[in-house]
Amino acid sequence: MQLEAYLERDDRIALPLGSTEQHAYLSLATDVILAERVAVEAAEPLGVPVLPPLAFGVAPYFAAFPGSLTLAEETYTQVLRELIASLQGQGFRRILLVNGHGGNSEPAAAALSDGVALHDWWRALRTWALVQELDPDASHASWMENFPWTRLPGVALPTGHKGPGPRDSDDPAAVRREIGDGSYGGDYARPDEDVLRLWACGVEETREKIEAI
C-alpha cells in the first residue's frame, strides 16, 4: 500500500546488486552489504525506495574459495530482465541498478532497457579518482572495501601493502594459487578518515545518479 501511494507521485526505485564471495579478511557478503548500504544512504533523502539486494552474482574465478557462489552470465542477465519486467509491470519507469561487484557489470548491462540504468558505485568518476589518489594498487578486498560494516569481529587484518592483483584467469585453482589470501592488492587497511571520505563520495555520486534517472 505504501508503494502504491508512492507510485502516485514518483516512479523511481533502486535495486542493489551484490555477490557472495571471498573477500580475504572481510565478510563474504561485502559486495552485498556495500551495494545495499550505498543505495539506501543515497536514496533516503530523496524518498526513493530501495529493494533488498540481489545477493548472488557472477564470480566463477573464485570457485576454489569455499562460500563463493556464482551464476552464469546468461542466467544473471535473464534474472535481471525478469526482475526489471516485474517492476515495470507495476509502474516503476525509472530503475537504478546499484552494483557492488565487477563481475556483474557486463551481464547487468545486457539486461538494461529504457528507463533502466546501471551504476557501479565504487568506480564512479570521483570515487575511483579518490581511490587512485590514496592507493593506486587498491582493488578487491583491500582497504577500499574495508569499512566498519564489512569487517568481521575477532578477525585481525594484516598490516602493510600487497602488490598489484592477479592476471585474468578462467581457472579458479590458478586464481587461488596466485592471490593466496584473496586480496587483489593495495593496503589492507587505511585510517577510517580515508575510508569514510571514500564512502561519502560514493554515496554522493550514487545519489546524483538516482536524481538523474
N, C-alpha and C. Protein backbone atom coordinates (compact mmCIF):
# COMPACT_ATOMS: atom_id res chain seq x y z
N MET A 1 0.82 -1.21 0.00
CA MET A 1 0.00 0.00 0.00
C MET A 1 0.86 1.26 0.00
N GLN A 2 1.98 1.19 0.74
CA GLN A 2 2.87 2.36 0.76
C GLN A 2 3.48 2.61 -0.61
N LEU A 3 3.86 1.53 -1.30
CA LEU A 3 4.44 1.69 -2.62
C LEU A 3 3.39 2.13 -3.64
N GLU A 4 2.16 1.69 -3.48
CA GLU A 4 1.10 2.18 -4.37
C GLU A 4 0.94 3.68 -4.22
N ALA A 5 0.96 4.15 -2.99
CA ALA A 5 0.85 5.59 -2.76
C ALA A 5 2.06 6.32 -3.31
N TYR A 6 3.24 5.72 -3.15
CA TYR A 6 4.46 6.33 -3.67
C TYR A 6 4.40 6.48 -5.18
N LEU A 7 3.89 5.45 -5.87
CA LEU A 7 3.83 5.46 -7.33
C LEU A 7 2.90 6.53 -7.88
N GLU A 8 2.07 7.10 -7.04
CA GLU A 8 1.21 8.20 -7.50
C GLU A 8 2.00 9.49 -7.69
N ARG A 9 3.21 9.56 -7.06
CA ARG A 9 3.99 10.80 -7.16
C ARG A 9 5.39 10.60 -7.75
N ASP A 10 5.87 9.35 -7.82
CA ASP A 10 7.21 9.10 -8.31
C ASP A 10 7.26 7.69 -8.89
N ASP A 11 8.19 7.46 -9.82
CA ASP A 11 8.27 6.13 -10.43
C ASP A 11 9.70 5.58 -10.41
N ARG A 12 10.51 6.07 -9.46
CA ARG A 12 11.90 5.63 -9.34
C ARG A 12 12.03 4.55 -8.25
N ILE A 13 12.99 3.65 -8.46
CA ILE A 13 13.31 2.64 -7.45
C ILE A 13 14.75 2.17 -7.70
N ALA A 14 15.41 1.72 -6.64
CA ALA A 14 16.79 1.23 -6.77
C ALA A 14 16.85 -0.24 -6.39
N LEU A 15 17.64 -0.99 -7.16
CA LEU A 15 17.87 -2.41 -6.88
C LEU A 15 19.38 -2.62 -6.70
N PRO A 16 19.85 -2.91 -5.48
CA PRO A 16 21.28 -3.18 -5.28
C PRO A 16 21.66 -4.56 -5.80
N LEU A 17 22.84 -4.64 -6.39
CA LEU A 17 23.37 -5.89 -6.92
C LEU A 17 24.67 -6.21 -6.20
N GLY A 18 24.74 -7.39 -5.59
CA GLY A 18 25.94 -7.78 -4.87
C GLY A 18 26.49 -9.11 -5.37
N SER A 19 27.33 -9.71 -4.55
CA SER A 19 27.89 -11.03 -4.83
C SER A 19 28.34 -11.61 -3.50
N THR A 20 28.11 -12.90 -3.33
CA THR A 20 28.58 -13.60 -2.13
C THR A 20 29.85 -14.33 -2.52
N GLU A 21 30.99 -13.82 -2.03
CA GLU A 21 32.29 -14.33 -2.49
C GLU A 21 33.37 -13.96 -1.49
N GLN A 22 34.50 -14.64 -1.61
CA GLN A 22 35.62 -14.38 -0.71
C GLN A 22 36.09 -12.93 -0.83
N HIS A 23 36.40 -12.36 0.33
CA HIS A 23 36.97 -11.02 0.41
C HIS A 23 38.14 -11.01 1.39
N ALA A 24 38.99 -12.03 1.27
CA ALA A 24 40.16 -12.13 2.15
C ALA A 24 39.70 -12.10 3.61
N TYR A 25 40.05 -11.06 4.34
CA TYR A 25 39.76 -11.00 5.78
C TYR A 25 38.43 -10.32 6.08
N LEU A 26 37.71 -9.94 5.04
CA LEU A 26 36.43 -9.26 5.20
C LEU A 26 35.27 -10.23 4.98
N SER A 27 34.06 -9.74 5.18
CA SER A 27 32.86 -10.57 5.06
C SER A 27 32.65 -11.11 3.66
N LEU A 28 32.16 -12.36 3.57
CA LEU A 28 31.75 -12.91 2.28
C LEU A 28 30.66 -12.06 1.63
N ALA A 29 29.92 -11.33 2.45
CA ALA A 29 28.80 -10.52 1.96
C ALA A 29 29.21 -9.08 1.67
N THR A 30 30.51 -8.81 1.59
CA THR A 30 30.97 -7.43 1.42
C THR A 30 30.27 -6.71 0.29
N ASP A 31 30.22 -7.30 -0.90
CA ASP A 31 29.62 -6.62 -2.05
C ASP A 31 28.12 -6.40 -1.86
N VAL A 32 27.47 -7.31 -1.16
CA VAL A 32 26.04 -7.18 -0.88
C VAL A 32 25.82 -6.03 0.11
N ILE A 33 26.60 -6.04 1.19
CA ILE A 33 26.48 -5.01 2.22
C ILE A 33 26.70 -3.62 1.64
N LEU A 34 27.75 -3.48 0.84
CA LEU A 34 28.10 -2.17 0.32
C LEU A 34 27.09 -1.67 -0.71
N ALA A 35 26.65 -2.55 -1.61
CA ALA A 35 25.67 -2.13 -2.61
C ALA A 35 24.37 -1.68 -1.96
N GLU A 36 23.92 -2.43 -0.96
CA GLU A 36 22.67 -2.06 -0.30
C GLU A 36 22.83 -0.77 0.49
N ARG A 37 23.90 -0.67 1.25
CA ARG A 37 24.06 0.49 2.12
C ARG A 37 24.26 1.78 1.33
N VAL A 38 25.06 1.72 0.27
CA VAL A 38 25.28 2.94 -0.51
C VAL A 38 23.98 3.36 -1.19
N ALA A 39 23.17 2.39 -1.63
CA ALA A 39 21.89 2.72 -2.24
C ALA A 39 20.94 3.33 -1.22
N VAL A 40 20.86 2.76 -0.04
CA VAL A 40 19.95 3.26 0.99
C VAL A 40 20.34 4.67 1.42
N GLU A 41 21.63 4.88 1.70
CA GLU A 41 22.06 6.20 2.16
C GLU A 41 21.89 7.25 1.06
N ALA A 42 22.06 6.85 -0.19
CA ALA A 42 21.88 7.78 -1.30
C ALA A 42 20.41 8.10 -1.53
N ALA A 43 19.55 7.09 -1.43
CA ALA A 43 18.15 7.25 -1.81
C ALA A 43 17.28 7.85 -0.72
N GLU A 44 17.66 7.64 0.53
CA GLU A 44 16.78 8.05 1.64
C GLU A 44 16.41 9.53 1.61
N PRO A 45 17.35 10.45 1.42
CA PRO A 45 16.94 11.86 1.39
C PRO A 45 16.03 12.22 0.22
N LEU A 46 16.04 11.39 -0.80
CA LEU A 46 15.20 11.64 -1.98
C LEU A 46 13.84 10.99 -1.86
N GLY A 47 13.66 10.15 -0.84
CA GLY A 47 12.40 9.44 -0.69
C GLY A 47 12.20 8.31 -1.67
N VAL A 48 13.29 7.85 -2.29
CA VAL A 48 13.20 6.78 -3.29
C VAL A 48 13.38 5.42 -2.61
N PRO A 49 12.51 4.46 -2.84
CA PRO A 49 12.64 3.15 -2.19
C PRO A 49 13.81 2.35 -2.75
N VAL A 50 14.36 1.51 -1.89
CA VAL A 50 15.46 0.61 -2.25
C VAL A 50 15.02 -0.82 -1.96
N LEU A 51 15.10 -1.67 -2.96
CA LEU A 51 14.73 -3.08 -2.80
C LEU A 51 15.81 -3.84 -2.04
N PRO A 52 15.48 -5.00 -1.47
CA PRO A 52 16.53 -5.86 -0.92
C PRO A 52 17.53 -6.23 -2.01
N PRO A 53 18.79 -6.41 -1.66
CA PRO A 53 19.81 -6.66 -2.69
C PRO A 53 19.71 -8.06 -3.29
N LEU A 54 20.12 -8.15 -4.55
CA LEU A 54 20.33 -9.45 -5.17
C LEU A 54 21.71 -9.91 -4.70
N ALA A 55 21.73 -10.95 -3.87
CA ALA A 55 22.95 -11.28 -3.11
C ALA A 55 23.94 -12.16 -3.85
N PHE A 56 23.56 -12.68 -5.00
CA PHE A 56 24.44 -13.59 -5.73
C PHE A 56 24.71 -13.04 -7.12
N GLY A 57 25.97 -13.14 -7.55
CA GLY A 57 26.36 -12.56 -8.82
C GLY A 57 27.22 -13.49 -9.65
N VAL A 58 28.05 -12.90 -10.48
CA VAL A 58 28.89 -13.65 -11.41
C VAL A 58 30.33 -13.60 -10.91
N ALA A 59 30.81 -14.71 -10.39
CA ALA A 59 32.16 -14.76 -9.81
C ALA A 59 32.77 -16.15 -9.97
N PRO A 60 32.83 -16.70 -11.18
CA PRO A 60 33.32 -18.07 -11.35
C PRO A 60 34.79 -18.25 -10.97
N TYR A 61 35.57 -17.19 -11.07
CA TYR A 61 37.01 -17.25 -10.77
C TYR A 61 37.30 -17.49 -9.31
N PHE A 62 36.30 -17.34 -8.43
CA PHE A 62 36.50 -17.57 -7.00
C PHE A 62 35.97 -18.94 -6.55
N ALA A 63 35.69 -19.82 -7.48
CA ALA A 63 35.06 -21.10 -7.15
C ALA A 63 35.91 -21.97 -6.22
N ALA A 64 37.22 -21.75 -6.17
CA ALA A 64 38.09 -22.54 -5.30
C ALA A 64 38.09 -22.04 -3.86
N PHE A 65 37.40 -20.95 -3.59
CA PHE A 65 37.27 -20.43 -2.22
C PHE A 65 35.92 -20.84 -1.67
N PRO A 66 35.86 -21.65 -0.61
CA PRO A 66 34.57 -22.07 -0.05
C PRO A 66 33.70 -20.88 0.33
N GLY A 67 32.42 -20.98 0.01
CA GLY A 67 31.47 -19.92 0.32
C GLY A 67 31.29 -18.92 -0.79
N SER A 68 32.09 -19.03 -1.85
CA SER A 68 31.95 -18.14 -3.01
C SER A 68 31.03 -18.79 -4.03
N LEU A 69 29.93 -18.11 -4.32
CA LEU A 69 28.91 -18.67 -5.20
C LEU A 69 28.85 -17.88 -6.50
N THR A 70 28.37 -18.52 -7.55
CA THR A 70 28.31 -17.83 -8.84
C THR A 70 27.10 -18.25 -9.64
N LEU A 71 26.66 -17.35 -10.50
CA LEU A 71 25.68 -17.63 -11.54
C LEU A 71 26.36 -17.46 -12.88
N ALA A 72 25.90 -18.18 -13.89
CA ALA A 72 26.39 -17.96 -15.24
C ALA A 72 25.95 -16.58 -15.72
N GLU A 73 26.74 -15.98 -16.59
CA GLU A 73 26.39 -14.64 -17.08
C GLU A 73 25.01 -14.62 -17.71
N GLU A 74 24.70 -15.64 -18.50
CA GLU A 74 23.41 -15.68 -19.18
C GLU A 74 22.26 -15.78 -18.16
N THR A 75 22.48 -16.57 -17.11
CA THR A 75 21.47 -16.70 -16.06
C THR A 75 21.25 -15.37 -15.37
N TYR A 76 22.35 -14.70 -15.05
CA TYR A 76 22.27 -13.43 -14.33
C TYR A 76 21.52 -12.39 -15.17
N THR A 77 21.85 -12.30 -16.43
CA THR A 77 21.16 -11.35 -17.31
C THR A 77 19.67 -11.64 -17.36
N GLN A 78 19.32 -12.92 -17.46
CA GLN A 78 17.91 -13.27 -17.54
C GLN A 78 17.18 -12.97 -16.23
N VAL A 79 17.81 -13.24 -15.10
CA VAL A 79 17.21 -12.92 -13.80
C VAL A 79 16.91 -11.42 -13.73
N LEU A 80 17.88 -10.61 -14.11
CA LEU A 80 17.66 -9.16 -14.06
C LEU A 80 16.56 -8.72 -15.03
N ARG A 81 16.54 -9.30 -16.20
CA ARG A 81 15.48 -8.94 -17.15
C ARG A 81 14.10 -9.23 -16.56
N GLU A 82 13.98 -10.36 -15.89
CA GLU A 82 12.68 -10.72 -15.32
C GLU A 82 12.32 -9.84 -14.13
N LEU A 83 13.30 -9.49 -13.30
CA LEU A 83 13.03 -8.58 -12.18
C LEU A 83 12.65 -7.19 -12.68
N ILE A 84 13.38 -6.71 -13.67
CA ILE A 84 13.07 -5.40 -14.25
C ILE A 84 11.66 -5.39 -14.85
N ALA A 85 11.32 -6.46 -15.57
CA ALA A 85 9.99 -6.55 -16.16
C ALA A 85 8.90 -6.54 -15.08
N SER A 86 9.17 -7.20 -13.96
CA SER A 86 8.21 -7.20 -12.86
C SER A 86 7.97 -5.78 -12.35
N LEU A 87 9.06 -5.05 -12.16
CA LEU A 87 8.94 -3.67 -11.66
C LEU A 87 8.23 -2.78 -12.67
N GLN A 88 8.59 -2.93 -13.94
CA GLN A 88 7.94 -2.11 -14.96
C GLN A 88 6.46 -2.41 -15.07
N GLY A 89 6.10 -3.67 -14.88
CA GLY A 89 4.69 -4.04 -14.93
C GLY A 89 3.88 -3.44 -13.80
N GLN A 90 4.54 -3.04 -12.73
CA GLN A 90 3.86 -2.44 -11.57
C GLN A 90 3.86 -0.91 -11.63
N GLY A 91 4.53 -0.35 -12.64
CA GLY A 91 4.51 1.10 -12.80
C GLY A 91 5.81 1.81 -12.53
N PHE A 92 6.86 1.08 -12.16
CA PHE A 92 8.16 1.72 -11.98
C PHE A 92 8.78 1.95 -13.36
N ARG A 93 9.08 3.19 -13.67
CA ARG A 93 9.58 3.53 -15.01
C ARG A 93 11.06 3.92 -15.00
N ARG A 94 11.58 4.28 -13.82
CA ARG A 94 13.00 4.66 -13.71
C ARG A 94 13.63 3.79 -12.63
N ILE A 95 14.52 2.92 -13.06
CA ILE A 95 15.11 1.90 -12.18
C ILE A 95 16.62 2.03 -12.22
N LEU A 96 17.22 2.13 -11.05
CA LEU A 96 18.68 2.17 -10.98
C LEU A 96 19.20 0.89 -10.36
N LEU A 97 20.07 0.19 -11.09
CA LEU A 97 20.77 -0.97 -10.58
C LEU A 97 22.06 -0.46 -9.94
N VAL A 98 22.16 -0.58 -8.62
CA VAL A 98 23.34 -0.10 -7.90
C VAL A 98 24.24 -1.30 -7.65
N ASN A 99 25.29 -1.40 -8.45
CA ASN A 99 26.11 -2.60 -8.48
C ASN A 99 27.35 -2.48 -7.59
N GLY A 100 27.64 -3.57 -6.86
CA GLY A 100 28.80 -3.59 -5.99
C GLY A 100 29.86 -4.61 -6.37
N HIS A 101 29.73 -5.24 -7.55
CA HIS A 101 30.66 -6.31 -7.93
C HIS A 101 31.01 -6.23 -9.41
N GLY A 102 32.30 -6.18 -9.71
CA GLY A 102 32.74 -6.01 -11.08
C GLY A 102 32.27 -7.09 -12.03
N GLY A 103 32.19 -8.35 -11.55
CA GLY A 103 31.76 -9.44 -12.41
C GLY A 103 30.32 -9.32 -12.88
N ASN A 104 29.53 -8.49 -12.19
CA ASN A 104 28.13 -8.30 -12.59
C ASN A 104 27.97 -7.28 -13.71
N SER A 105 28.98 -6.46 -13.93
CA SER A 105 28.79 -5.27 -14.77
C SER A 105 28.33 -5.60 -16.18
N GLU A 106 29.05 -6.47 -16.88
CA GLU A 106 28.69 -6.76 -18.26
C GLU A 106 27.35 -7.47 -18.38
N PRO A 107 27.09 -8.54 -17.61
CA PRO A 107 25.78 -9.17 -17.75
C PRO A 107 24.63 -8.29 -17.29
N ALA A 108 24.88 -7.39 -16.34
CA ALA A 108 23.82 -6.46 -15.94
C ALA A 108 23.56 -5.44 -17.05
N ALA A 109 24.63 -4.97 -17.69
CA ALA A 109 24.46 -4.02 -18.79
C ALA A 109 23.63 -4.63 -19.92
N ALA A 110 23.75 -5.94 -20.11
CA ALA A 110 23.00 -6.61 -21.16
C ALA A 110 21.50 -6.68 -20.85
N ALA A 111 21.13 -6.44 -19.60
CA ALA A 111 19.73 -6.50 -19.20
C ALA A 111 19.03 -5.15 -19.23
N LEU A 112 19.77 -4.09 -19.54
CA LEU A 112 19.20 -2.75 -19.47
C LEU A 112 18.17 -2.52 -20.57
N SER A 113 17.20 -1.69 -20.26
CA SER A 113 16.18 -1.28 -21.24
C SER A 113 15.85 0.18 -20.96
N ASP A 114 14.89 0.74 -21.67
CA ASP A 114 14.54 2.14 -21.49
C ASP A 114 14.16 2.42 -20.04
N GLY A 115 14.77 3.45 -19.48
CA GLY A 115 14.46 3.84 -18.11
C GLY A 115 15.25 3.11 -17.05
N VAL A 116 16.11 2.18 -17.46
CA VAL A 116 16.91 1.40 -16.52
C VAL A 116 18.38 1.77 -16.69
N ALA A 117 19.04 2.09 -15.57
CA ALA A 117 20.45 2.49 -15.60
C ALA A 117 21.25 1.62 -14.66
N LEU A 118 22.54 1.52 -14.95
CA LEU A 118 23.47 0.73 -14.12
C LEU A 118 24.51 1.66 -13.54
N HIS A 119 24.76 1.51 -12.24
CA HIS A 119 25.75 2.34 -11.55
C HIS A 119 26.69 1.46 -10.75
N ASP A 120 27.95 1.36 -11.20
CA ASP A 120 28.99 0.67 -10.43
C ASP A 120 29.52 1.68 -9.42
N TRP A 121 29.04 1.61 -8.20
CA TRP A 121 29.24 2.72 -7.27
C TRP A 121 30.72 3.00 -6.98
N TRP A 122 31.55 1.97 -6.87
CA TRP A 122 32.94 2.15 -6.44
C TRP A 122 33.83 2.72 -7.54
N ARG A 123 33.38 2.63 -8.79
CA ARG A 123 34.19 3.19 -9.85
C ARG A 123 33.49 4.33 -10.59
N ALA A 124 32.58 4.99 -9.89
CA ALA A 124 32.08 6.27 -10.39
C ALA A 124 33.25 7.25 -10.43
N LEU A 125 33.12 8.26 -11.24
CA LEU A 125 34.27 9.10 -11.60
C LEU A 125 35.04 9.64 -10.40
N ARG A 126 34.38 10.34 -9.51
CA ARG A 126 35.09 10.96 -8.38
C ARG A 126 35.50 9.94 -7.34
N THR A 127 34.69 8.92 -7.15
CA THR A 127 35.01 7.89 -6.16
C THR A 127 36.27 7.14 -6.58
N TRP A 128 36.34 6.72 -7.83
CA TRP A 128 37.52 6.00 -8.30
C TRP A 128 38.75 6.90 -8.32
N ALA A 129 38.57 8.17 -8.64
CA ALA A 129 39.70 9.10 -8.62
C ALA A 129 40.26 9.21 -7.20
N LEU A 130 39.42 9.18 -6.20
CA LEU A 130 39.89 9.25 -4.82
C LEU A 130 40.64 7.97 -4.44
N VAL A 131 40.14 6.82 -4.87
CA VAL A 131 40.87 5.56 -4.64
C VAL A 131 42.28 5.66 -5.22
N GLN A 132 42.37 6.12 -6.46
CA GLN A 132 43.66 6.21 -7.12
C GLN A 132 44.59 7.22 -6.43
N GLU A 133 44.02 8.28 -5.92
CA GLU A 133 44.81 9.28 -5.20
C GLU A 133 45.42 8.69 -3.93
N LEU A 134 44.65 7.89 -3.22
CA LEU A 134 45.10 7.36 -1.94
C LEU A 134 45.97 6.11 -2.08
N ASP A 135 45.67 5.27 -3.06
CA ASP A 135 46.39 4.00 -3.20
C ASP A 135 46.11 3.41 -4.58
N PRO A 136 46.97 3.68 -5.57
CA PRO A 136 46.72 3.22 -6.94
C PRO A 136 46.64 1.70 -7.09
N ASP A 137 47.19 0.95 -6.13
CA ASP A 137 47.12 -0.51 -6.20
C ASP A 137 45.83 -1.08 -5.62
N ALA A 138 45.01 -0.25 -5.01
CA ALA A 138 43.82 -0.73 -4.30
C ALA A 138 42.88 -1.47 -5.24
N SER A 139 42.34 -2.59 -4.76
CA SER A 139 41.45 -3.39 -5.57
C SER A 139 40.60 -4.27 -4.65
N HIS A 140 40.14 -5.38 -5.18
CA HIS A 140 39.27 -6.30 -4.46
C HIS A 140 39.85 -6.70 -3.10
N ALA A 141 39.03 -6.56 -2.06
CA ALA A 141 39.35 -6.99 -0.69
C ALA A 141 40.46 -6.17 -0.04
N SER A 142 40.73 -5.00 -0.58
CA SER A 142 41.71 -4.10 0.05
C SER A 142 40.97 -3.12 0.95
N TRP A 143 41.69 -2.07 1.38
CA TRP A 143 41.10 -1.06 2.26
C TRP A 143 39.86 -0.41 1.65
N MET A 144 39.77 -0.37 0.31
CA MET A 144 38.65 0.31 -0.32
C MET A 144 37.32 -0.42 -0.12
N GLU A 145 37.37 -1.64 0.42
CA GLU A 145 36.17 -2.36 0.82
C GLU A 145 36.15 -2.64 2.33
N ASN A 146 37.16 -2.11 3.01
CA ASN A 146 37.34 -2.38 4.43
C ASN A 146 36.71 -1.27 5.26
N PHE A 147 35.37 -1.33 5.36
CA PHE A 147 34.60 -0.35 6.12
C PHE A 147 34.21 -0.97 7.47
N PRO A 148 33.84 -0.16 8.44
CA PRO A 148 33.41 -0.73 9.73
C PRO A 148 32.31 -1.76 9.58
N TRP A 149 31.49 -1.64 8.55
CA TRP A 149 30.35 -2.55 8.38
C TRP A 149 30.66 -3.76 7.50
N THR A 150 31.90 -3.91 7.03
CA THR A 150 32.26 -5.13 6.30
C THR A 150 33.32 -5.94 7.05
N ARG A 151 33.77 -5.44 8.19
CA ARG A 151 34.78 -6.15 8.97
C ARG A 151 34.13 -7.25 9.80
N LEU A 152 34.90 -8.29 10.07
CA LEU A 152 34.41 -9.43 10.84
C LEU A 152 34.93 -9.34 12.27
N PRO A 153 34.06 -9.52 13.25
CA PRO A 153 34.52 -9.46 14.64
C PRO A 153 35.54 -10.55 14.93
N GLY A 154 36.59 -10.17 15.61
CA GLY A 154 37.62 -11.13 16.00
C GLY A 154 38.63 -11.47 14.94
N VAL A 155 38.50 -10.86 13.74
CA VAL A 155 39.44 -11.12 12.66
C VAL A 155 40.40 -9.94 12.53
N ALA A 156 41.68 -10.22 12.71
CA ALA A 156 42.70 -9.17 12.60
C ALA A 156 43.21 -9.11 11.17
N LEU A 157 43.22 -7.92 10.58
CA LEU A 157 43.75 -7.75 9.24
C LEU A 157 45.26 -7.59 9.27
N PRO A 158 45.93 -8.05 8.22
CA PRO A 158 47.38 -7.81 8.15
C PRO A 158 47.66 -6.31 8.03
N THR A 159 48.84 -5.94 8.41
CA THR A 159 49.28 -4.58 8.18
C THR A 159 50.04 -4.53 6.86
N GLY A 160 50.23 -3.34 6.34
CA GLY A 160 51.07 -3.21 5.16
C GLY A 160 50.32 -3.24 3.85
N HIS A 161 51.07 -3.47 2.80
CA HIS A 161 50.61 -3.31 1.43
C HIS A 161 50.88 -4.58 0.64
N LYS A 162 49.94 -4.94 -0.22
CA LYS A 162 50.12 -6.08 -1.11
C LYS A 162 50.23 -5.56 -2.54
N GLY A 163 51.13 -6.15 -3.31
CA GLY A 163 51.35 -5.70 -4.68
C GLY A 163 50.14 -5.86 -5.56
N PRO A 164 50.19 -5.32 -6.78
CA PRO A 164 49.04 -5.35 -7.69
C PRO A 164 48.50 -6.75 -7.91
N GLY A 165 47.23 -6.79 -8.29
CA GLY A 165 46.47 -8.03 -8.32
C GLY A 165 46.82 -9.01 -9.42
N PRO A 166 46.03 -10.08 -9.53
CA PRO A 166 46.35 -11.21 -10.40
C PRO A 166 46.04 -10.94 -11.86
N ARG A 167 46.61 -11.76 -12.70
CA ARG A 167 46.24 -11.76 -14.12
C ARG A 167 44.88 -12.43 -14.26
N ASP A 168 44.16 -12.07 -15.32
CA ASP A 168 42.87 -12.71 -15.57
C ASP A 168 43.07 -14.20 -15.82
N SER A 169 42.19 -15.01 -15.27
CA SER A 169 42.27 -16.45 -15.47
C SER A 169 40.89 -17.06 -15.33
N ASP A 170 40.61 -18.06 -16.15
CA ASP A 170 39.35 -18.79 -16.05
C ASP A 170 39.49 -20.04 -15.18
N ASP A 171 40.66 -20.23 -14.60
CA ASP A 171 40.94 -21.40 -13.78
C ASP A 171 40.89 -21.01 -12.31
N PRO A 172 39.82 -21.38 -11.58
CA PRO A 172 39.71 -20.97 -10.18
C PRO A 172 40.88 -21.43 -9.31
N ALA A 173 41.42 -22.62 -9.57
CA ALA A 173 42.56 -23.10 -8.78
C ALA A 173 43.79 -22.22 -9.01
N ALA A 174 43.97 -21.78 -10.25
CA ALA A 174 45.10 -20.89 -10.55
C ALA A 174 44.91 -19.54 -9.90
N VAL A 175 43.69 -19.05 -9.88
CA VAL A 175 43.40 -17.78 -9.21
C VAL A 175 43.75 -17.88 -7.73
N ARG A 176 43.33 -18.98 -7.10
CA ARG A 176 43.60 -19.11 -5.67
C ARG A 176 45.10 -19.21 -5.41
N ARG A 177 45.82 -19.95 -6.24
CA ARG A 177 47.27 -20.04 -6.04
C ARG A 177 47.93 -18.68 -6.16
N GLU A 178 47.45 -17.87 -7.09
CA GLU A 178 48.11 -16.59 -7.34
C GLU A 178 47.79 -15.54 -6.28
N ILE A 179 46.54 -15.50 -5.83
CA ILE A 179 46.19 -14.42 -4.90
C ILE A 179 46.28 -14.83 -3.44
N GLY A 180 46.47 -16.10 -3.15
CA GLY A 180 46.69 -16.51 -1.77
C GLY A 180 45.53 -16.19 -0.86
N ASP A 181 45.64 -15.12 -0.08
CA ASP A 181 44.62 -14.81 0.92
C ASP A 181 43.34 -14.23 0.31
N GLY A 182 43.35 -13.90 -0.98
CA GLY A 182 42.15 -13.40 -1.63
C GLY A 182 42.18 -11.94 -2.01
N SER A 183 43.08 -11.17 -1.42
CA SER A 183 43.19 -9.76 -1.77
C SER A 183 43.86 -9.60 -3.13
N TYR A 184 43.34 -8.65 -3.92
CA TYR A 184 43.92 -8.37 -5.23
C TYR A 184 45.03 -7.33 -5.16
N GLY A 185 45.27 -6.76 -4.00
CA GLY A 185 46.36 -5.80 -3.87
C GLY A 185 45.94 -4.48 -3.28
N GLY A 186 46.94 -3.75 -2.80
CA GLY A 186 46.71 -2.47 -2.14
C GLY A 186 46.92 -2.58 -0.65
N ASP A 187 46.72 -1.48 0.04
CA ASP A 187 46.79 -1.50 1.51
C ASP A 187 45.65 -2.36 2.06
N TYR A 188 45.95 -3.18 3.03
CA TYR A 188 44.88 -3.95 3.67
C TYR A 188 43.94 -3.03 4.44
N ALA A 189 44.50 -2.02 5.04
CA ALA A 189 43.69 -1.09 5.84
C ALA A 189 44.29 0.31 5.73
N ARG A 190 43.41 1.29 5.86
CA ARG A 190 43.82 2.68 5.95
C ARG A 190 43.03 3.32 7.08
N PRO A 191 43.43 4.50 7.55
CA PRO A 191 42.67 5.15 8.61
C PRO A 191 41.20 5.32 8.23
N ASP A 192 40.32 5.19 9.22
CA ASP A 192 38.90 5.35 8.94
C ASP A 192 38.59 6.71 8.33
N GLU A 193 39.40 7.70 8.60
CA GLU A 193 39.21 9.00 7.97
C GLU A 193 39.22 8.87 6.44
N ASP A 194 40.13 8.03 5.93
CA ASP A 194 40.21 7.82 4.48
C ASP A 194 39.03 7.02 3.96
N VAL A 195 38.69 5.92 4.64
CA VAL A 195 37.62 5.06 4.12
C VAL A 195 36.27 5.75 4.21
N LEU A 196 36.05 6.54 5.24
CA LEU A 196 34.77 7.24 5.36
C LEU A 196 34.68 8.41 4.37
N ARG A 197 35.81 9.00 4.05
CA ARG A 197 35.84 10.01 2.99
C ARG A 197 35.45 9.37 1.66
N LEU A 198 35.99 8.18 1.39
CA LEU A 198 35.64 7.46 0.17
C LEU A 198 34.16 7.12 0.17
N TRP A 199 33.66 6.67 1.30
CA TRP A 199 32.25 6.30 1.39
C TRP A 199 31.34 7.49 1.11
N ALA A 200 31.65 8.63 1.68
CA ALA A 200 30.83 9.82 1.46
C ALA A 200 30.80 10.19 -0.01
N CYS A 201 31.92 10.04 -0.68
CA CYS A 201 31.98 10.33 -2.11
C CYS A 201 31.11 9.35 -2.89
N GLY A 202 31.18 8.06 -2.53
CA GLY A 202 30.37 7.05 -3.20
C GLY A 202 28.89 7.28 -3.03
N VAL A 203 28.47 7.66 -1.83
CA VAL A 203 27.05 7.95 -1.56
C VAL A 203 26.61 9.16 -2.38
N GLU A 204 27.43 10.19 -2.41
CA GLU A 204 27.08 11.40 -3.14
C GLU A 204 26.89 11.11 -4.64
N GLU A 205 27.82 10.35 -5.23
CA GLU A 205 27.70 10.06 -6.66
C GLU A 205 26.52 9.14 -6.95
N THR A 206 26.23 8.22 -6.03
CA THR A 206 25.05 7.36 -6.21
C THR A 206 23.78 8.18 -6.14
N ARG A 207 23.73 9.13 -5.23
CA ARG A 207 22.54 10.00 -5.13
C ARG A 207 22.37 10.81 -6.41
N GLU A 208 23.45 11.32 -6.94
CA GLU A 208 23.38 12.07 -8.20
C GLU A 208 22.83 11.20 -9.32
N LYS A 209 23.21 9.93 -9.31
CA LYS A 209 22.73 9.01 -10.35
C LYS A 209 21.22 8.77 -10.20
N ILE A 210 20.76 8.62 -8.96
CA ILE A 210 19.32 8.42 -8.72
C ILE A 210 18.56 9.65 -9.18
N GLU A 211 19.09 10.82 -8.89
CA GLU A 211 18.42 12.06 -9.29
C GLU A 211 18.34 12.20 -10.81
N ALA A 212 19.31 11.60 -11.50
CA ALA A 212 19.40 11.78 -12.96
C ALA A 212 18.59 10.78 -13.76
N ILE A 213 18.16 9.67 -13.15
CA ILE A 213 17.47 8.65 -13.94
C ILE A 213 16.06 9.14 -14.34
